[in-house]
N, C-alpha and C. Protein backbone atom coordinates (compact mmCIF):
# COMPACT_ATOMS: atom_id res chain seq x y z
N MET A 1 -18.49 -3.91 31.67
CA MET A 1 -18.07 -2.90 30.79
C MET A 1 -18.78 -3.20 29.34
N THR A 2 -19.42 -2.20 28.77
CA THR A 2 -20.00 -2.26 27.53
C THR A 2 -18.91 -2.15 26.37
N ILE A 3 -19.08 -2.92 25.37
CA ILE A 3 -18.27 -2.77 24.23
C ILE A 3 -19.02 -2.61 22.99
N LYS A 4 -18.64 -1.53 22.26
CA LYS A 4 -19.45 -1.37 20.90
C LYS A 4 -18.41 -1.58 19.87
N ARG A 5 -18.89 -2.34 18.81
CA ARG A 5 -18.00 -2.47 17.67
C ARG A 5 -18.57 -1.87 16.45
N ILE A 6 -17.69 -1.17 15.64
CA ILE A 6 -18.14 -0.36 14.45
C ILE A 6 -17.49 -0.91 13.24
N SER A 7 -18.20 -1.27 12.24
CA SER A 7 -17.71 -1.73 10.97
C SER A 7 -17.77 -0.68 9.90
N SER A 8 -16.76 -0.61 8.89
CA SER A 8 -16.85 0.31 7.86
C SER A 8 -17.08 -0.45 6.64
N GLY A 9 -17.12 -1.72 6.67
CA GLY A 9 -17.38 -2.45 5.40
C GLY A 9 -16.05 -2.64 4.55
N GLY A 10 -14.97 -2.25 5.24
CA GLY A 10 -13.73 -2.32 4.41
C GLY A 10 -13.35 -3.77 3.89
N GLU A 11 -12.56 -3.82 2.80
CA GLU A 11 -12.31 -5.04 2.19
C GLU A 11 -11.60 -6.13 3.10
N PHE A 12 -10.85 -5.63 4.00
CA PHE A 12 -10.06 -6.50 4.96
C PHE A 12 -10.73 -6.94 6.19
N GLU A 13 -11.77 -6.19 6.64
CA GLU A 13 -12.47 -6.50 7.92
C GLU A 13 -13.05 -7.92 7.96
N ALA A 14 -13.79 -8.37 6.89
CA ALA A 14 -14.33 -9.60 6.91
C ALA A 14 -13.25 -10.75 6.64
N LYS A 15 -12.35 -10.39 5.80
CA LYS A 15 -11.19 -11.38 5.47
C LYS A 15 -10.27 -11.75 6.63
N ILE A 16 -10.01 -10.68 7.51
CA ILE A 16 -9.10 -10.87 8.61
C ILE A 16 -9.84 -11.14 9.88
N GLY A 17 -11.03 -10.54 10.09
CA GLY A 17 -11.83 -10.65 11.19
C GLY A 17 -11.54 -9.65 12.30
N TYR A 18 -11.75 -8.39 11.88
CA TYR A 18 -11.69 -7.28 12.86
C TYR A 18 -12.69 -6.22 12.32
N CYS A 19 -12.81 -5.27 13.25
CA CYS A 19 -13.77 -4.10 12.87
C CYS A 19 -13.02 -2.87 12.89
N ARG A 20 -13.54 -1.83 12.21
CA ARG A 20 -12.94 -0.56 12.10
C ARG A 20 -12.56 0.03 13.48
N ALA A 21 -13.53 0.00 14.39
CA ALA A 21 -13.32 0.63 15.59
C ALA A 21 -14.04 -0.08 16.79
N VAL A 22 -13.51 -0.02 18.00
CA VAL A 22 -14.00 -0.54 19.17
C VAL A 22 -14.12 0.52 20.25
N VAL A 23 -15.38 0.66 20.80
CA VAL A 23 -15.59 1.66 21.87
C VAL A 23 -15.53 0.81 23.15
N ALA A 24 -14.68 1.02 24.00
CA ALA A 24 -14.62 0.43 25.47
C ALA A 24 -13.75 1.16 26.36
N GLY A 25 -14.17 1.17 27.56
CA GLY A 25 -13.36 1.76 28.68
C GLY A 25 -13.18 3.22 28.54
N GLY A 26 -13.99 3.92 27.91
CA GLY A 26 -13.93 5.35 27.85
C GLY A 26 -13.12 5.79 26.58
N PHE A 27 -12.66 4.93 25.68
CA PHE A 27 -11.89 5.17 24.47
C PHE A 27 -12.55 4.56 23.26
N VAL A 28 -12.10 5.18 22.15
CA VAL A 28 -12.42 4.50 20.76
C VAL A 28 -11.14 4.28 20.24
N TYR A 29 -11.00 2.92 19.93
CA TYR A 29 -9.75 2.34 19.31
C TYR A 29 -10.06 2.16 17.85
N VAL A 30 -9.43 2.98 17.01
CA VAL A 30 -9.69 2.75 15.45
C VAL A 30 -8.51 2.01 14.96
N SER A 31 -8.80 0.86 14.32
CA SER A 31 -7.84 0.02 13.62
C SER A 31 -7.00 0.78 12.62
N GLY A 32 -5.86 0.23 12.33
CA GLY A 32 -5.13 0.82 11.27
C GLY A 32 -5.91 0.89 9.95
N THR A 33 -5.90 2.08 9.45
CA THR A 33 -6.78 2.51 8.33
C THR A 33 -6.03 2.89 7.10
N VAL A 34 -6.22 2.36 5.97
CA VAL A 34 -5.56 2.78 4.71
C VAL A 34 -6.68 3.51 3.82
N GLY A 35 -6.31 4.20 2.81
CA GLY A 35 -7.16 4.86 1.91
C GLY A 35 -6.78 4.62 0.47
N GLU A 36 -7.66 4.72 -0.43
CA GLU A 36 -7.50 4.69 -1.80
C GLU A 36 -6.87 6.08 -2.29
N GLY A 37 -6.17 6.03 -3.43
CA GLY A 37 -5.71 7.23 -4.04
C GLY A 37 -4.41 6.91 -4.71
N GLU A 38 -4.11 7.86 -5.76
CA GLU A 38 -2.84 7.83 -6.46
C GLU A 38 -1.69 8.15 -5.75
N THR A 39 -1.73 9.26 -4.82
CA THR A 39 -0.67 9.67 -4.10
C THR A 39 -0.74 9.40 -2.58
N VAL A 40 0.37 9.44 -1.89
CA VAL A 40 0.35 9.29 -0.47
C VAL A 40 -0.60 10.30 0.20
N ALA A 41 -0.64 11.55 -0.39
CA ALA A 41 -1.51 12.54 0.20
C ALA A 41 -3.06 12.22 -0.03
N ASP A 42 -3.23 11.73 -1.19
CA ASP A 42 -4.68 11.24 -1.38
C ASP A 42 -5.04 10.19 -0.54
N GLN A 43 -4.21 9.21 -0.31
CA GLN A 43 -4.46 8.12 0.57
C GLN A 43 -4.60 8.53 2.15
N CYS A 44 -3.79 9.45 2.44
CA CYS A 44 -3.82 10.11 3.89
C CYS A 44 -5.09 10.68 3.96
N ARG A 45 -5.55 11.50 3.05
CA ARG A 45 -6.95 12.26 3.27
C ARG A 45 -8.07 11.09 3.29
N ALA A 46 -8.01 10.10 2.47
CA ALA A 46 -9.03 9.08 2.42
C ALA A 46 -9.06 8.40 3.81
N ALA A 47 -7.88 7.93 4.28
CA ALA A 47 -7.85 7.28 5.44
C ALA A 47 -8.46 8.07 6.67
N LEU A 48 -8.09 9.42 6.72
CA LEU A 48 -8.71 10.30 7.78
C LEU A 48 -10.08 10.32 7.63
N GLY A 49 -10.60 10.39 6.41
CA GLY A 49 -11.97 10.42 6.20
C GLY A 49 -12.75 9.13 6.85
N THR A 50 -12.24 8.00 6.54
CA THR A 50 -12.68 6.76 7.10
C THR A 50 -12.65 6.75 8.64
N ILE A 51 -11.48 7.25 9.16
CA ILE A 51 -11.27 7.31 10.62
C ILE A 51 -12.30 8.27 11.16
N SER A 52 -12.41 9.40 10.61
CA SER A 52 -13.43 10.49 11.06
C SER A 52 -14.87 9.94 11.15
N ASP A 53 -15.23 9.16 10.05
CA ASP A 53 -16.51 8.60 10.07
C ASP A 53 -16.76 7.52 11.17
N ALA A 54 -15.75 6.71 11.44
CA ALA A 54 -15.85 5.84 12.56
C ALA A 54 -15.95 6.44 13.88
N LEU A 55 -15.15 7.50 14.02
CA LEU A 55 -15.25 8.28 15.36
C LEU A 55 -16.46 8.96 15.44
N ASP A 56 -17.08 9.53 14.43
CA ASP A 56 -18.45 10.15 14.45
C ASP A 56 -19.40 9.11 14.89
N GLU A 57 -19.46 7.84 14.27
CA GLU A 57 -20.35 6.86 14.67
C GLU A 57 -20.16 6.46 16.15
N ALA A 58 -18.99 6.57 16.63
CA ALA A 58 -18.72 6.22 18.10
C ALA A 58 -19.01 7.38 18.97
N GLY A 59 -19.43 8.53 18.45
CA GLY A 59 -19.75 9.72 19.27
C GLY A 59 -18.53 10.48 19.64
N SER A 60 -17.39 10.31 18.99
CA SER A 60 -16.20 11.07 19.16
C SER A 60 -15.72 11.81 17.87
N SER A 61 -14.52 12.31 17.86
CA SER A 61 -14.04 13.04 16.73
C SER A 61 -12.54 13.17 16.60
N LEU A 62 -12.04 13.61 15.52
CA LEU A 62 -10.64 13.76 15.48
C LEU A 62 -10.04 14.63 16.54
N ALA A 63 -10.79 15.64 16.99
CA ALA A 63 -10.48 16.56 18.00
C ALA A 63 -10.26 15.91 19.36
N GLN A 64 -10.90 14.74 19.56
CA GLN A 64 -10.72 13.96 20.82
C GLN A 64 -9.71 12.80 20.71
N THR A 65 -8.90 12.93 19.69
CA THR A 65 -7.79 11.89 19.51
C THR A 65 -6.75 12.18 20.37
N VAL A 66 -6.29 11.01 21.20
CA VAL A 66 -5.19 11.34 22.01
C VAL A 66 -3.93 10.59 21.64
N ARG A 67 -4.07 9.69 20.68
CA ARG A 67 -2.76 9.02 20.29
C ARG A 67 -3.00 8.59 18.69
N VAL A 68 -2.03 8.70 17.99
CA VAL A 68 -2.06 8.34 16.67
C VAL A 68 -0.68 7.71 16.27
N VAL A 69 -0.77 6.67 15.35
CA VAL A 69 0.31 6.00 14.90
C VAL A 69 0.27 6.00 13.35
N TYR A 70 1.31 6.46 12.75
CA TYR A 70 1.40 6.44 11.22
C TYR A 70 2.29 5.40 10.76
N TYR A 71 1.88 4.62 9.83
CA TYR A 71 2.75 3.51 9.32
C TYR A 71 2.95 3.85 7.83
N LEU A 72 4.23 3.76 7.39
CA LEU A 72 4.54 4.06 6.00
C LEU A 72 5.60 3.19 5.52
N PRO A 73 5.54 2.52 4.29
CA PRO A 73 6.64 1.79 3.71
C PRO A 73 7.88 2.59 3.44
N ASP A 74 7.71 3.94 3.20
CA ASP A 74 8.82 4.79 2.94
C ASP A 74 8.67 6.06 3.73
N ARG A 75 9.49 6.15 4.73
CA ARG A 75 9.38 7.38 5.64
C ARG A 75 9.58 8.74 4.95
N LYS A 76 10.16 8.59 3.69
CA LYS A 76 10.30 9.87 2.98
C LYS A 76 8.96 10.50 2.51
N ASP A 77 7.95 9.64 2.34
CA ASP A 77 6.61 10.08 2.07
C ASP A 77 5.94 10.86 3.20
N PHE A 78 6.34 10.68 4.45
CA PHE A 78 5.67 11.26 5.45
C PHE A 78 5.56 12.76 5.46
N GLU A 79 6.59 13.41 5.09
CA GLU A 79 6.64 14.86 5.11
C GLU A 79 5.47 15.41 4.23
N GLY A 80 5.16 14.84 3.12
CA GLY A 80 4.00 15.25 2.30
C GLY A 80 2.77 15.18 2.93
N CYS A 81 2.56 14.46 3.89
CA CYS A 81 1.33 14.33 4.72
C CYS A 81 1.11 15.38 5.84
N TRP A 82 2.32 15.92 6.28
CA TRP A 82 2.26 16.77 7.41
C TRP A 82 1.28 17.87 7.39
N PRO A 83 1.04 18.59 6.34
CA PRO A 83 0.03 19.64 6.19
C PRO A 83 -1.34 19.08 6.39
N ILE A 84 -1.58 17.91 5.80
CA ILE A 84 -2.85 17.34 5.91
C ILE A 84 -3.25 17.00 7.37
N LEU A 85 -2.25 16.37 8.02
CA LEU A 85 -2.33 15.91 9.39
C LEU A 85 -2.47 17.13 10.38
N ALA A 86 -1.83 18.13 9.99
CA ALA A 86 -1.94 19.38 10.96
C ALA A 86 -3.30 19.94 10.79
N ASP A 87 -3.68 19.96 9.48
CA ASP A 87 -5.10 20.59 9.26
C ASP A 87 -6.22 19.71 9.91
N ALA A 88 -6.01 18.35 9.88
CA ALA A 88 -6.99 17.43 10.48
C ALA A 88 -7.10 17.57 11.89
N PHE A 89 -5.92 17.68 12.56
CA PHE A 89 -6.00 17.65 14.02
C PHE A 89 -5.96 19.10 14.66
N GLY A 90 -5.72 20.06 13.84
CA GLY A 90 -5.81 21.43 14.13
C GLY A 90 -5.25 21.80 15.50
N ASP A 91 -6.04 22.43 16.36
CA ASP A 91 -5.65 22.84 17.71
C ASP A 91 -5.66 21.78 18.77
N ASN A 92 -5.90 20.53 18.29
CA ASN A 92 -5.98 19.42 19.19
C ASN A 92 -5.09 18.28 18.79
N PRO A 93 -3.63 18.51 18.79
CA PRO A 93 -2.81 17.52 18.20
C PRO A 93 -2.61 16.48 19.19
N PRO A 94 -2.67 15.08 18.70
CA PRO A 94 -2.46 13.96 19.64
C PRO A 94 -0.93 13.64 19.77
N ALA A 95 -0.77 12.81 20.79
CA ALA A 95 0.49 12.16 20.86
C ALA A 95 0.79 11.36 19.55
N ALA A 96 1.88 11.28 18.97
CA ALA A 96 2.09 10.57 17.70
C ALA A 96 3.39 9.77 17.64
N SER A 97 3.42 8.87 16.71
CA SER A 97 4.55 8.10 16.33
C SER A 97 4.45 7.83 14.84
N MET A 98 5.61 7.67 14.21
CA MET A 98 5.64 7.18 12.81
C MET A 98 6.58 5.96 12.75
N VAL A 99 6.07 4.93 12.02
CA VAL A 99 6.75 3.70 11.96
C VAL A 99 7.04 3.45 10.44
N GLU A 100 8.27 3.08 10.02
CA GLU A 100 8.52 2.65 8.61
C GLU A 100 8.35 1.13 8.59
N CYS A 101 7.50 0.63 7.76
CA CYS A 101 7.27 -0.82 7.76
C CYS A 101 6.51 -1.09 6.46
N ARG A 102 6.43 -2.46 6.09
CA ARG A 102 5.60 -2.92 4.97
C ARG A 102 4.17 -2.87 5.48
N LEU A 103 3.25 -2.68 4.39
CA LEU A 103 1.80 -2.64 4.78
C LEU A 103 1.17 -3.92 4.08
N ILE A 104 -0.18 -4.05 4.29
CA ILE A 104 -0.71 -5.32 3.88
C ILE A 104 -0.74 -5.43 2.41
N ASP A 105 -0.72 -4.42 1.72
CA ASP A 105 -0.77 -4.45 0.25
C ASP A 105 0.27 -3.41 -0.28
N ASP A 106 1.04 -3.64 -1.30
CA ASP A 106 2.04 -2.71 -1.79
C ASP A 106 1.37 -1.48 -2.39
N ARG A 107 0.12 -1.44 -2.78
CA ARG A 107 -0.48 -0.24 -3.27
C ARG A 107 -0.73 0.76 -2.25
N PHE A 108 -0.66 0.38 -0.93
CA PHE A 108 -0.91 1.48 0.10
C PHE A 108 0.35 2.03 0.58
N ARG A 109 0.32 3.42 0.80
CA ARG A 109 1.58 4.23 1.02
C ARG A 109 1.50 4.76 2.54
N ILE A 110 0.33 4.63 3.18
CA ILE A 110 0.24 5.14 4.56
C ILE A 110 -1.00 4.41 5.20
N GLU A 111 -0.81 4.03 6.41
CA GLU A 111 -1.85 3.47 7.31
C GLU A 111 -1.82 4.28 8.56
N ILE A 112 -3.00 4.54 9.09
CA ILE A 112 -3.18 5.42 10.26
C ILE A 112 -3.96 4.71 11.31
N GLU A 113 -3.57 4.66 12.53
CA GLU A 113 -4.40 4.10 13.64
C GLU A 113 -4.54 5.22 14.82
N VAL A 114 -5.72 5.34 15.36
CA VAL A 114 -5.86 6.38 16.37
C VAL A 114 -6.57 5.77 17.65
N THR A 115 -6.36 6.40 18.65
CA THR A 115 -7.08 6.19 19.87
C THR A 115 -7.62 7.48 20.30
N ALA A 116 -8.92 7.53 20.59
CA ALA A 116 -9.63 8.82 20.94
C ALA A 116 -10.48 8.61 22.22
N LEU A 117 -10.81 9.70 22.84
CA LEU A 117 -11.78 9.71 23.97
C LEU A 117 -13.12 9.46 23.55
N ALA A 118 -13.90 8.60 24.21
CA ALA A 118 -15.27 8.37 23.86
C ALA A 118 -16.19 9.34 24.76
N ASP A 119 -17.21 9.74 24.12
CA ASP A 119 -18.15 10.58 24.97
C ASP A 119 -18.94 9.77 26.04
């Protein structure tokens, strides 16, 4: 099996020893991704942008996402992201879960992890 690793140059990749995405076995596995911004909505959009870029590099897209997990320190923030997520996945909604938990840094309010089909 061929494995392709994709890096985004994010600050934690080198520190922790992981890559943004791995293409293997017909799937693209995108690591938990946070985004910069003042609000949870800004961070959600930024994280989706980073994820979309990784999927593009892997030859996939948000439309080919089959599973998504959202991690938030405060579940009350999640509803503000719903319109952004519905717009991002459009007519191709993936299976999804939301987990309330602490993130790697208190400045982050959402982390998104996806699995998508690889071309």
